[in-house]
Amino acid sequence: MIIPKADWIIIGSQTKPYNPPKIEWLQAIVELADEAGVPVFLKDNLKPLLGNNLRQELPESKSNSSKSGSGTMIGGRSNSSLTSSIFL
């Protein structure tokens, strides 16, 4: 059986009640996505856990431009990990 590659991984937190994932889980998922060449979008509800510098990438087919500022990437690949302040 062949499992198709994901185009995009979106990671967020349970919101009601707020229950963030473990940072180790986020790091593992992001590392696997990087190895597979899959863009990662960390939802804004992870800001209490990770701060404002969230990695927010879109798949190539969904994006035409890059957004700069506060470490956020839209489109294109990033070599950063979860944020510029974590996992340097």
C-alpha atoms as a PDB file:
ATOM      1  CA  MET A   1       0.000   0.000   0.000  1.00  0.00           C
ATOM      2  CA  ILE A   2       1.359   3.430  -0.936  1.00  0.00           C
ATOM      3  CA  ILE A   3       0.654   6.297   1.434  1.00  0.00           C
ATOM      4  CA  PRO A   4       0.561   9.655  -0.370  1.00  0.00           C
ATOM      5  CA  LYS A   5       2.702  12.530   0.881  1.00  0.00           C
ATOM      6  CA  ALA A   6       0.847  15.290   2.717  1.00  0.00           C
ATOM      7  CA  ASP A   7       0.802  18.680   0.982  1.00  0.00           C
ATOM      8  CA  TRP A   8       0.676  20.598   4.249  1.00  0.00           C
ATOM      9  CA  ILE A   9       0.666  20.040   8.000  1.00  0.00           C
ATOM     10  CA  ILE A  10      -1.374  22.357  10.221  1.00  0.00           C
ATOM     11  CA  ILE A  11      -0.760  22.133  13.963  1.00  0.00           C
ATOM     12  CA  GLY A  12      -2.877  23.816  16.600  1.00  0.00           C
ATOM     13  CA  SER A  13      -3.978  23.498  20.186  1.00  0.00           C
ATOM     14  CA  GLN A  14      -7.212  22.326  21.724  1.00  0.00           C
ATOM     15  CA  THR A  15      -8.978  25.574  22.531  1.00  0.00           C
ATOM     16  CA  LYS A  16     -11.862  24.886  24.945  1.00  0.00           C
ATOM     17  CA  PRO A  17     -10.484  24.212  27.426  1.00  0.00           C
ATOM     18  CA  TYR A  18      -7.060  25.400  26.286  1.00  0.00           C
ATOM     19  CA  ASN A  19      -4.828  22.344  26.238  1.00  0.00           C
ATOM     20  CA  PRO A  20      -1.573  22.887  24.337  1.00  0.00           C
ATOM     21  CA  PRO A  21       0.420  19.980  22.921  1.00  0.00           C
ATOM     22  CA  LYS A  22       3.785  19.083  24.402  1.00  0.00           C
ATOM     23  CA  ILE A  23       6.668  20.993  22.817  1.00  0.00           C
ATOM     24  CA  GLU A  24       8.418  17.657  22.208  1.00  0.00           C
ATOM     25  CA  TRP A  25       5.481  16.540  20.055  1.00  0.00           C
ATOM     26  CA  LEU A  26       5.598  19.746  18.036  1.00  0.00           C
ATOM     27  CA  GLN A  27       9.338  19.427  17.523  1.00  0.00           C
ATOM     28  CA  ALA A  28       9.013  15.799  16.384  1.00  0.00           C
ATOM     29  CA  ILE A  29       6.221  16.591  13.907  1.00  0.00           C
ATOM     30  CA  VAL A  30       8.094  19.608  12.491  1.00  0.00           C
ATOM     31  CA  GLU A  31      11.313  17.598  12.112  1.00  0.00           C
ATOM     32  CA  LEU A  32       9.478  14.810  10.255  1.00  0.00           C
ATOM     33  CA  ALA A  33       7.746  17.358   8.031  1.00  0.00           C
ATOM     34  CA  ASP A  34      11.104  18.969   7.219  1.00  0.00           C
ATOM     35  CA  GLU A  35      12.589  15.583   6.327  1.00  0.00           C
ATOM     36  CA  ALA A  36       9.633  14.940   4.005  1.00  0.00           C
ATOM     37  CA  GLY A  37       9.706  18.456   2.513  1.00  0.00           C
ATOM     38  CA  VAL A  38       6.202  19.260   3.762  1.00  0.00           C
ATOM     39  CA  PRO A  39       5.310  22.858   4.783  1.00  0.00           C
ATOM     40  CA  VAL A  40       4.221  23.422   8.394  1.00  0.00           C
ATOM     41  CA  PHE A  41       1.654  25.946   9.626  1.00  0.00           C
ATOM     42  CA  LEU A  42       1.526  26.540  13.390  1.00  0.00           C
ATOM     43  CA  LYS A  43      -1.824  28.060  14.343  1.00  0.00           C
ATOM     44  CA  ASP A  44      -2.045  31.284  16.304  1.00  0.00           C
ATOM     45  CA  ASN A  45      -3.533  29.437  19.278  1.00  0.00           C
ATOM     46  CA  LEU A  46      -0.004  28.121  19.958  1.00  0.00           C
ATOM     47  CA  LYS A  47       1.235  31.643  20.820  1.00  0.00           C
ATOM     48  CA  PRO A  48       0.811  31.115  24.598  1.00  0.00           C
ATOM     49  CA  LEU A  49       3.165  28.124  24.284  1.00  0.00           C
ATOM     50  CA  LEU A  50       5.630  29.328  21.624  1.00  0.00           C
ATOM     51  CA  GLY A  51       5.332  33.120  21.508  1.00  0.00           C
ATOM     52  CA  ASN A  52       4.597  35.347  18.509  1.00  0.00           C
ATOM     53  CA  ASN A  53       7.290  33.981  16.210  1.00  0.00           C
ATOM     54  CA  LEU A  54       5.277  31.065  14.793  1.00  0.00           C
ATOM     55  CA  ARG A  55       6.287  29.211  11.656  1.00  0.00           C
ATOM     56  CA  GLN A  56       3.413  29.602   9.196  1.00  0.00           C
ATOM     57  CA  GLU A  57       4.097  28.117   5.780  1.00  0.00           C
ATOM     58  CA  LEU A  58       1.660  27.386   2.983  1.00  0.00           C
ATOM     59  CA  PRO A  59       2.017  24.730   0.304  1.00  0.00           C
ATOM     60  CA  GLU A  60       3.381  26.034  -2.995  1.00  0.00           C
ATOM     61  CA  SER A  61      -0.002  25.655  -4.684  1.00  0.00           C
ATOM     62  CA  LYS A  62      -1.653  27.875  -2.032  1.00  0.00           C
ATOM     63  CA  SER A  63       0.873  30.731  -2.004  1.00  0.00           C
ATOM     64  CA  ASN A  64       2.449  33.175  -4.386  1.00  0.00           C
ATOM     65  CA  SER A  65       4.473  35.351  -2.044  1.00  0.00           C
ATOM     66  CA  SER A  66       6.578  35.460   1.084  1.00  0.00           C
ATOM     67  CA  LYS A  67       5.717  37.528   4.106  1.00  0.00           C
ATOM     68  CA  SER A  68       8.547  38.933   6.154  1.00  0.00           C
ATOM     69  CA  GLY A  69       8.585  40.194   9.701  1.00  0.00           C
ATOM     70  CA  SER A  70       8.356  38.461  13.061  1.00  0.00           C
ATOM     71  CA  GLY A  71       9.940  35.347  11.560  1.00  0.00           C
ATOM     72  CA  THR A  72       6.781  34.251   9.771  1.00  0.00           C
ATOM     73  CA  MET A  73       7.150  32.544   6.398  1.00  0.00           C
ATOM     74  CA  ILE A  74       4.274  32.239   3.989  1.00  0.00           C
ATOM     75  CA  GLY A  75       5.125  29.981   1.077  1.00  0.00           C
ATOM     76  CA  GLY A  76       8.633  28.715   0.342  1.00  0.00           C
ATOM     77  CA  ARG A  77      10.587  26.525   2.729  1.00  0.00           C
ATOM     78  CA  SER A  78      12.147  27.625   5.970  1.00  0.00           C
ATOM     79  CA  ASN A  79      15.202  26.149   7.619  1.00  0.00           C
ATOM     80  CA  SER A  80      14.029  27.356  11.020  1.00  0.00           C
ATOM     81  CA  SER A  81      12.547  25.021  13.550  1.00  0.00           C
ATOM     82  CA  LEU A  82       9.361  25.896  15.431  1.00  0.00           C
ATOM     83  CA  THR A  83      10.358  29.488  16.093  1.00  0.00           C
ATOM     84  CA  SER A  84      13.533  31.537  15.992  1.00  0.00           C
ATOM     85  CA  SER A  85      13.716  31.472  19.789  1.00  0.00           C
ATOM     86  CA  ILE A  86      13.148  27.727  20.354  1.00  0.00           C
ATOM     87  CA  PHE A  87      15.313  24.815  19.193  1.00  0.00           C
ATOM     88  CA  LEU A  88      18.156  26.968  17.815  1.00  0.00           C
END
